[in-house]
């Protein structure tokens, strides 16, 4: 058996290493290790150079997602202009769904809800028949896009199509259901999907999602008591010291994740 040259073998090893680095981006994002997402994506980009292959596409959307969550919308917008066309050409749900979802978040942050909903619609259409793991991955966050844009039917089609109810997919599903229930004027924090979302949110390793789940759960209680939506963050803080509530650590983690995003922007979320 003829073996490849040492330089060829070394190149293959380096590519394998960088594939693992790129593949870790979504896991690190979920774990709340956002600075590492940026650092590892930068390593991947340095390795691939000007190549537009799939290795570039695996990590880049998560870098853009960190940027937009931290208020660096203009920087994130530059990235989506690069990776969305490439992801469409790849026709692989592993890269297409994150690319379209993050593009929706960026357009939402820019105030273009029509464009944001367009990306959500594209996800719904292009992932029919695809695994729920991909189809439901960003369901909770996408639900907020659709609700803000007033397009609940689109999100209901997505939610109703999901059959997996456990793990990361289950968290996204109950989160989306809670958002829809609230939009329908049913903020019942101690029953149905709001309670389920809080339970799943506390058990998952998805740090940002856990913070959203706790905020959503307490937000429902605030609405029932006549407190405005923009004050729900304060409501959460007021109950952190009373068992069985434990949201303060999650809020601290989410605050850290948001980094240098302006305080006023964070408070308005």
Protein backbone atom coordinates (compact mmCIF):
# COMPACT_ATOMS: atom_id res chain seq x y z
CA UNK A 1 0.00 0.00 0.00
CA UNK A 2 1.43 3.30 -1.05
CA UNK A 3 1.38 5.97 1.59
CA UNK A 4 1.01 9.67 1.00
CA UNK A 5 3.85 12.08 1.53
CA UNK A 6 4.45 13.43 5.06
CA UNK A 7 3.31 16.89 3.95
CA UNK A 8 0.02 15.45 2.62
CA UNK A 9 -0.63 13.53 5.83
CA UNK A 10 0.18 16.58 7.93
CA UNK A 11 -2.21 18.71 5.87
CA UNK A 12 -4.98 16.15 6.34
CA UNK A 13 -4.40 16.09 10.09
CA UNK A 14 -4.57 19.89 10.27
CA UNK A 15 -7.83 19.92 8.32
CA UNK A 16 -9.32 17.31 10.66
CA UNK A 17 -8.29 19.36 13.68
CA UNK A 18 -9.89 22.48 12.25
CA UNK A 19 -13.08 20.60 11.38
CA UNK A 20 -13.35 19.68 15.05
CA UNK A 21 -12.70 23.29 16.02
CA UNK A 22 -15.40 24.51 13.63
CA UNK A 23 -17.88 21.87 14.78
CA UNK A 24 -17.39 22.96 18.39
CA UNK A 25 -18.76 26.46 17.66
CA UNK A 26 -22.44 25.58 18.13
CA UNK A 27 -21.71 23.61 21.30
CA UNK A 28 -19.66 26.43 22.78
CA UNK A 29 -22.42 28.88 21.86
CA UNK A 30 -24.98 26.79 23.72
CA UNK A 31 -22.69 26.42 26.71
CA UNK A 32 -22.34 30.18 26.96
CA UNK A 33 -18.65 30.21 26.07
CA UNK A 34 -19.09 32.96 23.50
CA UNK A 35 -15.58 34.38 23.69
CA UNK A 36 -14.32 30.92 22.72
CA UNK A 37 -16.75 30.88 19.78
CA UNK A 38 -15.13 34.06 18.47
CA UNK A 39 -11.60 32.79 19.11
CA UNK A 40 -12.14 29.39 17.50
CA UNK A 41 -13.95 30.80 14.50
CA UNK A 42 -11.04 33.19 13.97
CA UNK A 43 -8.68 30.18 14.02
CA UNK A 44 -10.79 28.40 11.41
CA UNK A 45 -10.93 31.49 9.19
CA UNK A 46 -7.16 31.88 9.42
CA UNK A 47 -6.73 28.24 8.37
CA UNK A 48 -9.12 28.30 5.40
CA UNK A 49 -7.99 31.68 4.12
CA UNK A 50 -10.04 32.71 1.09
CA UNK A 51 -11.64 29.28 0.66
CA UNK A 52 -15.45 29.34 0.56
CA UNK A 53 -15.87 25.66 1.42
CA UNK A 54 -18.11 24.14 4.06
CA UNK A 55 -15.51 24.33 6.81
CA UNK A 56 -15.90 28.10 6.72
CA UNK A 57 -19.69 27.84 6.85
CA UNK A 58 -19.89 25.57 9.87
CA UNK A 59 -18.53 28.15 12.33
CA UNK A 60 -19.19 31.55 10.75
CA UNK A 61 -22.93 31.82 11.60
CA UNK A 62 -22.20 31.36 15.29
CA UNK A 63 -19.65 34.14 15.22
CA UNK A 64 -22.29 36.37 13.65
CA UNK A 65 -24.82 35.28 16.27
CA UNK A 66 -22.50 36.27 19.10
CA UNK A 67 -21.89 39.62 17.46
CA UNK A 68 -25.57 40.45 16.96
CA UNK A 69 -26.44 39.35 20.50
CA UNK A 70 -23.76 41.70 21.76
CA UNK A 71 -25.14 44.61 19.80
CA UNK A 72 -22.53 44.54 17.02
CA UNK A 73 -25.19 44.33 14.34
CA UNK A 74 -23.22 46.03 11.57
CA UNK A 75 -20.38 43.54 11.92
CA UNK A 76 -22.83 40.63 11.92
CA UNK A 77 -24.57 42.02 8.83
CA UNK A 78 -21.30 41.95 6.88
CA UNK A 79 -20.90 38.27 7.74
CA UNK A 80 -24.41 37.22 6.71
CA UNK A 81 -23.91 38.83 3.31
CA UNK A 82 -20.96 36.50 2.93
CA UNK A 83 -22.25 33.20 4.29
CA UNK A 84 -25.96 33.12 3.39
CA UNK A 85 -25.40 32.74 -0.41
CA UNK A 86 -22.71 30.11 0.24
CA UNK A 87 -24.96 28.18 2.61
CA UNK A 88 -27.76 28.17 0.05
CA UNK A 89 -25.39 26.76 -2.55
CA UNK A 90 -24.23 24.06 -0.10
CA UNK A 91 -27.80 22.72 0.32
CA UNK A 92 -26.88 21.14 3.63
CA UNK A 93 -29.24 21.71 6.58
CA UNK A 94 -26.30 21.66 8.97
CA UNK A 95 -25.05 24.96 7.54
CA UNK A 96 -28.18 26.32 5.85
CA UNK A 97 -30.43 26.48 8.93
CA UNK A 98 -27.93 28.34 11.16
CA UNK A 99 -27.12 30.71 8.31
CA UNK A 100 -30.76 31.60 7.63
CA UNK A 101 -31.70 31.77 11.32
CA UNK A 102 -28.85 34.11 12.21
CA UNK A 103 -29.66 36.22 9.15
CA UNK A 104 -33.20 36.55 10.54
CA UNK A 105 -31.84 37.69 13.91
CA UNK A 106 -29.60 40.26 12.25
CA UNK A 107 -32.44 41.66 10.15
CA UNK A 108 -34.63 41.80 13.24
CA UNK A 109 -31.91 43.77 15.03
CA UNK A 110 -31.69 46.12 12.03
CA UNK A 111 -35.44 46.68 12.15
CA UNK A 112 -36.22 44.99 8.84
CA UNK A 113 -38.89 42.54 10.01
CA UNK A 114 -40.02 41.75 6.48
CA UNK A 115 -36.55 40.48 5.58
CA UNK A 116 -36.31 38.63 8.90
CA UNK A 117 -39.59 36.80 8.29
CA UNK A 118 -38.41 36.01 4.77
CA UNK A 119 -35.51 34.05 6.21
CA UNK A 120 -37.82 32.21 8.62
CA UNK A 121 -40.11 31.34 5.71
CA UNK A 122 -37.12 30.01 3.80
CA UNK A 123 -36.22 27.77 6.75
CA UNK A 124 -39.78 26.43 6.91
CA UNK A 125 -39.81 25.64 3.19
CA UNK A 126 -36.30 24.24 2.74
CA UNK A 127 -36.33 21.97 5.81
CA UNK A 128 -39.56 20.11 5.14
CA UNK A 129 -38.70 16.44 5.51
CA UNK A 130 -35.41 17.30 7.28
CA UNK A 131 -34.61 16.07 10.80
CA UNK A 132 -36.26 17.98 13.65
CA UNK A 133 -32.78 18.51 15.09
CA UNK A 134 -32.11 21.01 12.30
CA UNK A 135 -35.65 22.26 11.69
CA UNK A 136 -36.29 23.13 15.34
CA UNK A 137 -32.83 24.26 16.39
CA UNK A 138 -33.60 28.01 16.56
CA UNK A 139 -37.35 27.71 16.99
CA UNK A 140 -37.63 29.71 20.24
CA UNK A 141 -35.67 32.70 18.96
CA UNK A 142 -37.36 32.57 15.55
CA UNK A 143 -40.73 32.65 17.29
CA UNK A 144 -39.88 36.04 18.74
CA UNK A 145 -39.07 37.28 15.22
CA UNK A 146 -42.43 36.11 13.89
CA UNK A 147 -44.38 37.49 16.83
CA UNK A 148 -42.73 40.88 16.51
CA UNK A 149 -43.55 40.86 12.80
CA UNK A 150 -47.11 39.69 13.45
CA UNK A 151 -46.74 36.50 11.40
CA UNK A 152 -47.92 33.87 13.88
CA UNK A 153 -49.20 31.44 11.24
CA UNK A 154 -45.70 30.88 9.88
CA UNK A 155 -44.38 29.99 13.32
CA UNK A 156 -47.37 27.76 14.05
CA UNK A 157 -46.62 25.76 10.90
CA UNK A 158 -43.08 25.21 12.10
CA UNK A 159 -44.08 24.38 15.67
CA UNK A 160 -46.84 21.97 14.61
CA UNK A 161 -44.42 20.05 12.38
CA UNK A 162 -41.98 19.16 15.18
CA UNK A 163 -42.32 15.70 16.71
CA UNK A 164 -39.22 15.46 18.93
CA UNK A 165 -39.93 16.80 22.41
CA UNK A 166 -36.72 15.93 24.28
CA UNK A 167 -33.31 17.54 24.68
CA UNK A 168 -32.23 20.66 22.84
CA UNK A 169 -35.06 20.32 20.33
CA UNK A 170 -37.58 20.00 23.16
CA UNK A 171 -36.29 23.19 24.75
CA UNK A 172 -36.65 25.11 21.50
CA UNK A 173 -40.13 23.69 20.97
CA UNK A 174 -41.56 24.57 24.37
CA UNK A 175 -39.89 27.97 24.19
CA UNK A 176 -41.59 28.69 20.86
CA UNK A 177 -44.91 27.48 22.23
CA UNK A 178 -44.56 29.80 25.22
CA UNK A 179 -43.86 32.75 22.92
CA UNK A 180 -46.94 31.92 20.83
CA UNK A 181 -49.10 31.45 23.93
CA UNK A 182 -48.04 34.85 25.21
CA UNK A 183 -48.78 36.41 21.82
CA UNK A 184 -52.24 34.86 21.97
CA UNK A 185 -52.78 36.55 25.35
CA UNK A 186 -52.39 33.41 27.46
CA UNK A 187 -49.55 34.22 29.91
CA UNK A 188 -50.12 31.41 32.42
CA UNK A 189 -46.78 30.92 34.13
CA UNK A 190 -47.89 28.17 36.48
CA UNK A 191 -49.41 25.90 33.87
CA UNK A 192 -48.87 24.33 30.45
CA UNK A 193 -46.00 25.49 28.22
CA UNK A 194 -44.67 28.30 30.44
CA UNK A 195 -44.08 25.92 33.33
CA UNK A 196 -42.68 23.31 30.97
CA UNK A 197 -40.34 25.87 29.42
CA UNK A 198 -39.02 26.87 32.83
CA UNK A 199 -38.45 23.23 33.77
CA UNK A 200 -36.64 22.38 30.54
CA UNK A 201 -34.75 25.67 30.63
CA UNK A 202 -33.35 24.94 34.06
CA UNK A 203 -32.23 21.44 33.06
CA UNK A 204 -30.58 22.28 29.74
CA UNK A 205 -26.98 23.34 29.24
CA UNK A 206 -28.09 26.06 26.81
CA UNK A 207 -27.16 29.10 28.89
CA UNK A 208 -28.78 31.82 26.78
CA UNK A 209 -31.88 29.67 26.36
CA UNK A 210 -32.04 29.10 30.09
CA UNK A 211 -31.99 32.83 30.69
CA UNK A 212 -34.72 33.33 28.08
CA UNK A 213 -36.82 30.58 29.66
CA UNK A 214 -36.60 32.15 33.10
CA UNK A 215 -37.36 35.59 31.70
CA UNK A 216 -40.33 34.23 29.74
CA UNK A 217 -41.70 32.40 32.79
CA UNK A 218 -41.52 35.44 35.06
CA UNK A 219 -42.71 37.71 32.24
CA UNK A 220 -45.97 35.79 32.21
CA UNK A 221 -46.42 36.40 35.92
CA UNK A 222 -45.73 40.09 35.40
CA UNK A 223 -48.34 40.33 32.67
CA UNK A 224 -50.90 38.69 34.89
CA UNK A 225 -50.18 41.19 37.62
CA UNK A 226 -50.36 44.15 35.25
CA UNK A 227 -46.61 44.81 35.01
CA UNK A 228 -45.41 45.96 31.60
CA UNK A 229 -43.21 43.69 29.45
CA UNK A 230 -40.14 45.93 29.66
CA UNK A 231 -40.13 45.52 33.45
CA UNK A 232 -40.07 41.73 33.45
CA UNK A 233 -36.30 41.64 33.94
CA UNK A 234 -36.70 43.52 37.23
CA UNK A 235 -39.45 41.11 38.24
CA UNK A 236 -37.05 38.20 37.81
CA UNK A 237 -34.45 39.84 40.01
CA UNK A 238 -36.99 40.44 42.77
CA UNK A 239 -37.75 36.74 43.09
CA UNK A 240 -34.23 35.32 42.87
CA UNK A 241 -33.80 34.94 46.60
CA UNK A 242 -36.99 32.93 47.17
CA UNK A 243 -36.97 29.14 46.73
CA UNK A 244 -37.59 27.32 44.46
CA UNK A 245 -36.49 30.12 42.08
CA UNK A 246 -32.87 30.11 40.95
CA UNK A 247 -32.68 32.53 38.03
CA UNK A 248 -29.96 34.85 39.34
CA UNK A 249 -27.03 32.66 38.19
CA UNK A 250 -28.58 32.31 34.74
CA UNK A 251 -29.17 36.06 34.48
CA UNK A 252 -25.57 36.71 35.49
CA UNK A 253 -24.39 34.32 32.78
CA UNK A 254 -26.59 35.96 30.17
CA UNK A 255 -25.37 39.41 31.20
CA UNK A 256 -21.81 38.20 30.76
CA UNK A 257 -22.62 36.75 27.35
CA UNK A 258 -24.09 40.01 26.15
CA UNK A 259 -20.73 41.58 26.89
CA UNK A 260 -20.33 45.18 25.81
CA UNK A 261 -23.80 45.51 24.31
CA UNK A 262 -25.19 48.87 25.52
CA UNK A 263 -27.03 48.51 28.82
CA UNK A 264 -30.06 50.34 27.45
CA UNK A 265 -30.36 47.82 24.61
CA UNK A 266 -30.12 44.90 27.02
CA UNK A 267 -32.75 46.36 29.33
CA UNK A 268 -35.19 46.78 26.43
CA UNK A 269 -35.07 43.09 25.52
